[in-house]
């Protein structure tokens, strides 16, 4: 069974912005979700381009953790945009 976007968004509701204490879905930080053969790719952005890298990584790892537990998900890939260290942070979280 392949996961669907609704189920993925429901899990992402549990991911809270560590600075603001608000779910990332409520702040509309998730830009796009693609699902192909059990691989979920999530494009997202942060509230500020200079969000502290440790907080950016916490949110990214929380997203990955939340979605990884869904039945049918084999892999979660994240694509953070708009952050001054997006390239480096994406490499780290997708290892």
N, C-alpha and C. Protein backbone atom coordinates (compact mmCIF):
# COMPACT_ATOMS: atom_id res chain seq x y z
N UNK A 1 0.84 -1.19 0.00
CA UNK A 1 0.00 0.00 0.00
C UNK A 1 0.88 1.25 0.00
N UNK A 2 0.55 2.14 -0.87
CA UNK A 2 1.33 3.38 -0.99
C UNK A 2 0.72 4.46 -0.08
N UNK A 3 1.56 5.21 0.60
CA UNK A 3 1.04 6.29 1.46
C UNK A 3 0.41 7.39 0.61
N UNK A 4 -0.52 8.14 1.19
CA UNK A 4 -1.11 9.26 0.45
C UNK A 4 -0.77 10.59 1.13
N UNK A 5 -0.98 11.66 0.39
CA UNK A 5 -0.60 13.00 0.88
C UNK A 5 -1.36 13.38 2.15
N UNK A 6 -2.61 12.97 2.24
CA UNK A 6 -3.42 13.30 3.42
C UNK A 6 -2.80 12.69 4.68
N UNK A 7 -2.40 11.43 4.58
CA UNK A 7 -1.78 10.74 5.72
C UNK A 7 -0.45 11.40 6.08
N UNK A 8 0.32 11.77 5.08
CA UNK A 8 1.61 12.42 5.31
C UNK A 8 1.40 13.77 5.99
N UNK A 9 0.45 14.55 5.52
CA UNK A 9 0.18 15.86 6.12
C UNK A 9 -0.30 15.70 7.57
N UNK A 10 -1.07 14.66 7.83
CA UNK A 10 -1.55 14.42 9.20
C UNK A 10 -0.37 14.17 10.13
N UNK A 11 0.62 13.42 9.66
CA UNK A 11 1.82 13.18 10.47
C UNK A 11 2.66 14.45 10.62
N UNK A 12 2.72 15.24 9.57
CA UNK A 12 3.50 16.48 9.63
C UNK A 12 2.88 17.51 10.57
N UNK A 13 1.58 17.36 10.87
CA UNK A 13 0.93 18.24 11.84
C UNK A 13 1.58 18.13 13.22
N UNK A 14 2.24 17.01 13.48
CA UNK A 14 2.88 16.76 14.78
C UNK A 14 4.24 17.45 14.89
N UNK A 15 4.75 17.95 13.77
CA UNK A 15 6.06 18.61 13.78
C UNK A 15 5.85 20.08 14.14
N UNK A 16 6.50 20.48 15.21
CA UNK A 16 6.32 21.83 15.77
C UNK A 16 7.57 22.67 15.51
N UNK A 17 7.36 23.91 15.08
CA UNK A 17 8.48 24.85 14.96
C UNK A 17 9.01 25.10 16.37
N UNK A 18 10.29 24.78 16.62
CA UNK A 18 10.83 24.88 17.97
C UNK A 18 10.88 26.31 18.53
N UNK A 19 10.92 27.29 17.65
CA UNK A 19 10.97 28.68 18.13
C UNK A 19 9.57 29.24 18.42
N UNK A 20 8.62 28.90 17.56
CA UNK A 20 7.29 29.49 17.65
C UNK A 20 6.27 28.61 18.36
N UNK A 21 6.56 27.30 18.44
CA UNK A 21 5.64 26.39 19.10
C UNK A 21 4.36 26.13 18.33
N UNK A 22 4.42 26.30 17.00
CA UNK A 22 3.26 26.12 16.14
C UNK A 22 3.57 25.01 15.13
N UNK A 23 2.59 24.14 14.81
CA UNK A 23 2.83 23.09 13.82
C UNK A 23 3.24 23.66 12.46
N UNK A 24 4.16 22.98 11.79
CA UNK A 24 4.65 23.47 10.49
C UNK A 24 3.53 23.51 9.45
N UNK A 25 2.54 22.63 9.60
CA UNK A 25 1.43 22.62 8.64
C UNK A 25 0.55 23.86 8.83
N UNK A 26 0.39 24.29 10.05
CA UNK A 26 -0.43 25.47 10.34
C UNK A 26 0.22 26.74 9.77
N UNK A 27 1.56 26.74 9.73
CA UNK A 27 2.29 27.89 9.19
C UNK A 27 2.51 27.76 7.68
N UNK A 28 2.01 26.67 7.10
CA UNK A 28 2.10 26.42 5.66
C UNK A 28 3.55 26.41 5.16
N UNK A 29 4.40 25.69 5.90
CA UNK A 29 5.81 25.59 5.52
C UNK A 29 6.07 24.46 4.53
N UNK A 30 5.11 23.55 4.37
CA UNK A 30 5.26 22.44 3.43
C UNK A 30 4.81 22.94 2.07
N UNK A 31 5.73 22.92 1.10
CA UNK A 31 5.43 23.44 -0.23
C UNK A 31 4.90 22.37 -1.19
N UNK A 32 5.43 21.15 -1.07
CA UNK A 32 5.08 20.11 -2.05
C UNK A 32 5.42 18.74 -1.46
N UNK A 33 4.58 17.76 -1.77
CA UNK A 33 4.83 16.38 -1.38
C UNK A 33 4.72 15.52 -2.63
N UNK A 34 5.75 14.73 -2.89
CA UNK A 34 5.71 13.78 -4.01
C UNK A 34 5.89 12.38 -3.44
N UNK A 35 5.15 11.43 -3.99
CA UNK A 35 5.23 10.04 -3.56
C UNK A 35 5.45 9.18 -4.80
N UNK A 36 6.53 8.42 -4.78
CA UNK A 36 6.80 7.53 -5.92
C UNK A 36 7.48 6.28 -5.41
N UNK A 37 6.82 5.14 -5.60
CA UNK A 37 7.37 3.83 -5.21
C UNK A 37 7.83 3.81 -3.75
N UNK A 38 7.04 4.40 -2.87
CA UNK A 38 7.37 4.39 -1.45
C UNK A 38 8.38 5.43 -1.01
N UNK A 39 8.87 6.23 -1.96
CA UNK A 39 9.81 7.31 -1.62
C UNK A 39 9.01 8.61 -1.55
N UNK A 40 9.05 9.24 -0.38
CA UNK A 40 8.32 10.49 -0.16
C UNK A 40 9.33 11.63 -0.20
N UNK A 41 9.10 12.59 -1.07
CA UNK A 41 9.94 13.79 -1.16
C UNK A 41 9.11 14.97 -0.70
N UNK A 42 9.64 15.69 0.28
CA UNK A 42 8.93 16.84 0.84
C UNK A 42 9.76 18.09 0.60
N UNK A 43 9.17 19.04 -0.11
CA UNK A 43 9.77 20.36 -0.30
C UNK A 43 9.18 21.26 0.77
N UNK A 44 10.03 22.00 1.47
CA UNK A 44 9.54 22.89 2.51
C UNK A 44 10.46 24.10 2.66
N UNK A 45 9.96 25.09 3.35
CA UNK A 45 10.76 26.28 3.63
C UNK A 45 10.62 26.61 5.12
N UNK A 46 11.44 27.50 5.59
CA UNK A 46 11.42 27.89 6.99
C UNK A 46 10.80 29.28 7.10
N UNK A 47 10.56 29.70 8.33
CA UNK A 47 9.93 31.01 8.53
C UNK A 47 10.89 32.15 8.24
N UNK A 48 12.20 31.88 8.31
CA UNK A 48 13.19 32.93 8.07
C UNK A 48 14.44 32.33 7.42
N UNK A 49 15.06 33.05 6.49
CA UNK A 49 16.26 32.53 5.82
C UNK A 49 17.46 32.37 6.75
N UNK A 50 17.42 33.03 7.90
CA UNK A 50 18.54 32.92 8.83
C UNK A 50 18.13 32.20 10.11
N UNK A 51 17.15 31.31 10.01
CA UNK A 51 16.76 30.46 11.13
C UNK A 51 18.03 29.74 11.61
N UNK A 52 18.25 29.66 12.93
CA UNK A 52 19.45 28.97 13.41
C UNK A 52 19.53 27.55 12.84
N UNK A 53 20.69 27.17 12.27
CA UNK A 53 20.82 25.86 11.64
C UNK A 53 20.41 24.69 12.53
N UNK A 54 20.69 24.78 13.83
CA UNK A 54 20.30 23.68 14.73
C UNK A 54 18.78 23.51 14.76
N UNK A 55 18.05 24.61 14.75
CA UNK A 55 16.59 24.53 14.76
C UNK A 55 16.06 24.04 13.41
N UNK A 56 16.69 24.48 12.34
CA UNK A 56 16.30 24.03 11.01
C UNK A 56 16.47 22.51 10.89
N UNK A 57 17.59 22.01 11.40
CA UNK A 57 17.86 20.57 11.35
C UNK A 57 16.90 19.80 12.25
N UNK A 58 16.56 20.35 13.40
CA UNK A 58 15.61 19.68 14.29
C UNK A 58 14.28 19.50 13.57
N UNK A 59 13.80 20.56 12.94
CA UNK A 59 12.53 20.44 12.22
C UNK A 59 12.63 19.42 11.09
N UNK A 60 13.73 19.45 10.35
CA UNK A 60 13.90 18.51 9.25
C UNK A 60 13.92 17.07 9.75
N UNK A 61 14.69 16.81 10.80
CA UNK A 61 14.75 15.45 11.35
C UNK A 61 13.39 15.04 11.93
N UNK A 62 12.68 15.96 12.55
CA UNK A 62 11.34 15.65 13.08
C UNK A 62 10.40 15.28 11.94
N UNK A 63 10.50 15.99 10.81
CA UNK A 63 9.67 15.68 9.66
C UNK A 63 9.99 14.28 9.13
N UNK A 64 11.26 14.02 9.00
CA UNK A 64 11.70 12.72 8.48
C UNK A 64 11.23 11.59 9.39
N UNK A 65 11.38 11.78 10.68
CA UNK A 65 10.97 10.79 11.67
C UNK A 65 9.47 10.54 11.60
N UNK A 66 8.68 11.60 11.55
CA UNK A 66 7.23 11.48 11.55
C UNK A 66 6.73 10.70 10.33
N UNK A 67 7.27 11.01 9.17
CA UNK A 67 6.79 10.40 7.92
C UNK A 67 7.36 8.99 7.73
N UNK A 68 8.53 8.72 8.27
CA UNK A 68 9.16 7.39 8.13
C UNK A 68 8.32 6.26 8.71
N UNK A 69 7.47 6.58 9.69
CA UNK A 69 6.68 5.54 10.37
C UNK A 69 5.40 5.17 9.64
N UNK A 70 5.07 5.86 8.57
CA UNK A 70 3.84 5.58 7.83
C UNK A 70 4.02 4.30 7.02
N UNK A 71 2.99 3.45 7.07
CA UNK A 71 3.02 2.20 6.28
C UNK A 71 3.26 2.50 4.81
N UNK A 72 4.17 1.77 4.21
CA UNK A 72 4.45 1.92 2.79
C UNK A 72 5.56 2.90 2.46
N UNK A 73 6.02 3.67 3.46
CA UNK A 73 7.11 4.62 3.21
C UNK A 73 8.44 3.89 3.34
N UNK A 74 9.20 3.89 2.26
CA UNK A 74 10.51 3.24 2.25
C UNK A 74 11.63 4.22 2.54
N UNK A 75 11.43 5.47 2.11
CA UNK A 75 12.47 6.49 2.28
C UNK A 75 11.81 7.87 2.29
N UNK A 76 12.41 8.78 3.05
CA UNK A 76 11.94 10.17 3.08
C UNK A 76 13.09 11.07 2.66
N UNK A 77 12.85 11.88 1.64
CA UNK A 77 13.84 12.85 1.18
C UNK A 77 13.28 14.24 1.45
N UNK A 78 14.13 15.11 1.95
CA UNK A 78 13.71 16.47 2.25
C UNK A 78 14.45 17.46 1.38
N UNK A 79 13.74 18.51 0.98
CA UNK A 79 14.33 19.56 0.17
C UNK A 79 13.95 20.90 0.78
N UNK A 80 14.85 21.42 1.62
CA UNK A 80 14.64 22.72 2.26
C UNK A 80 15.06 23.82 1.30
N UNK A 81 14.24 24.87 1.21
CA UNK A 81 14.60 25.98 0.35
C UNK A 81 14.53 27.29 1.13
N UNK A 82 15.21 28.29 0.60
CA UNK A 82 15.12 29.62 1.16
C UNK A 82 15.96 29.89 2.39
N UNK A 83 16.77 28.93 2.80
CA UNK A 83 17.65 29.13 3.96
C UNK A 83 19.06 29.38 3.45
N UNK A 84 19.79 30.19 4.16
CA UNK A 84 21.14 30.53 3.69
C UNK A 84 22.08 29.32 3.66
N UNK A 85 21.74 28.26 4.38
CA UNK A 85 22.56 27.03 4.36
C UNK A 85 21.77 25.84 3.79
N UNK A 86 20.78 26.11 2.94
CA UNK A 86 19.92 25.04 2.42
C UNK A 86 20.70 23.88 1.82
N UNK A 87 21.68 24.17 0.99
CA UNK A 87 22.44 23.11 0.31
C UNK A 87 23.11 22.19 1.33
N UNK A 88 23.79 22.78 2.29
CA UNK A 88 24.51 22.00 3.30
C UNK A 88 23.54 21.23 4.20
N UNK A 89 22.45 21.88 4.61
CA UNK A 89 21.49 21.23 5.49
C UNK A 89 20.77 20.09 4.78
N UNK A 90 20.45 20.27 3.50
CA UNK A 90 19.81 19.19 2.74
C UNK A 90 20.73 17.97 2.62
N UNK A 91 22.01 18.22 2.37
CA UNK A 91 22.97 17.11 2.28
C UNK A 91 23.00 16.34 3.59
N UNK A 92 23.04 17.07 4.70
CA UNK A 92 23.14 16.43 6.02
C UNK A 92 21.90 15.61 6.35
N UNK A 93 20.72 16.17 6.15
CA UNK A 93 19.48 15.48 6.54
C UNK A 93 19.16 14.31 5.62
N UNK A 94 19.67 14.32 4.39
CA UNK A 94 19.37 13.24 3.44
C UNK A 94 20.47 12.19 3.34
N UNK A 95 21.40 12.18 4.27
CA UNK A 95 22.47 11.17 4.27
C UNK A 95 21.91 9.77 4.35
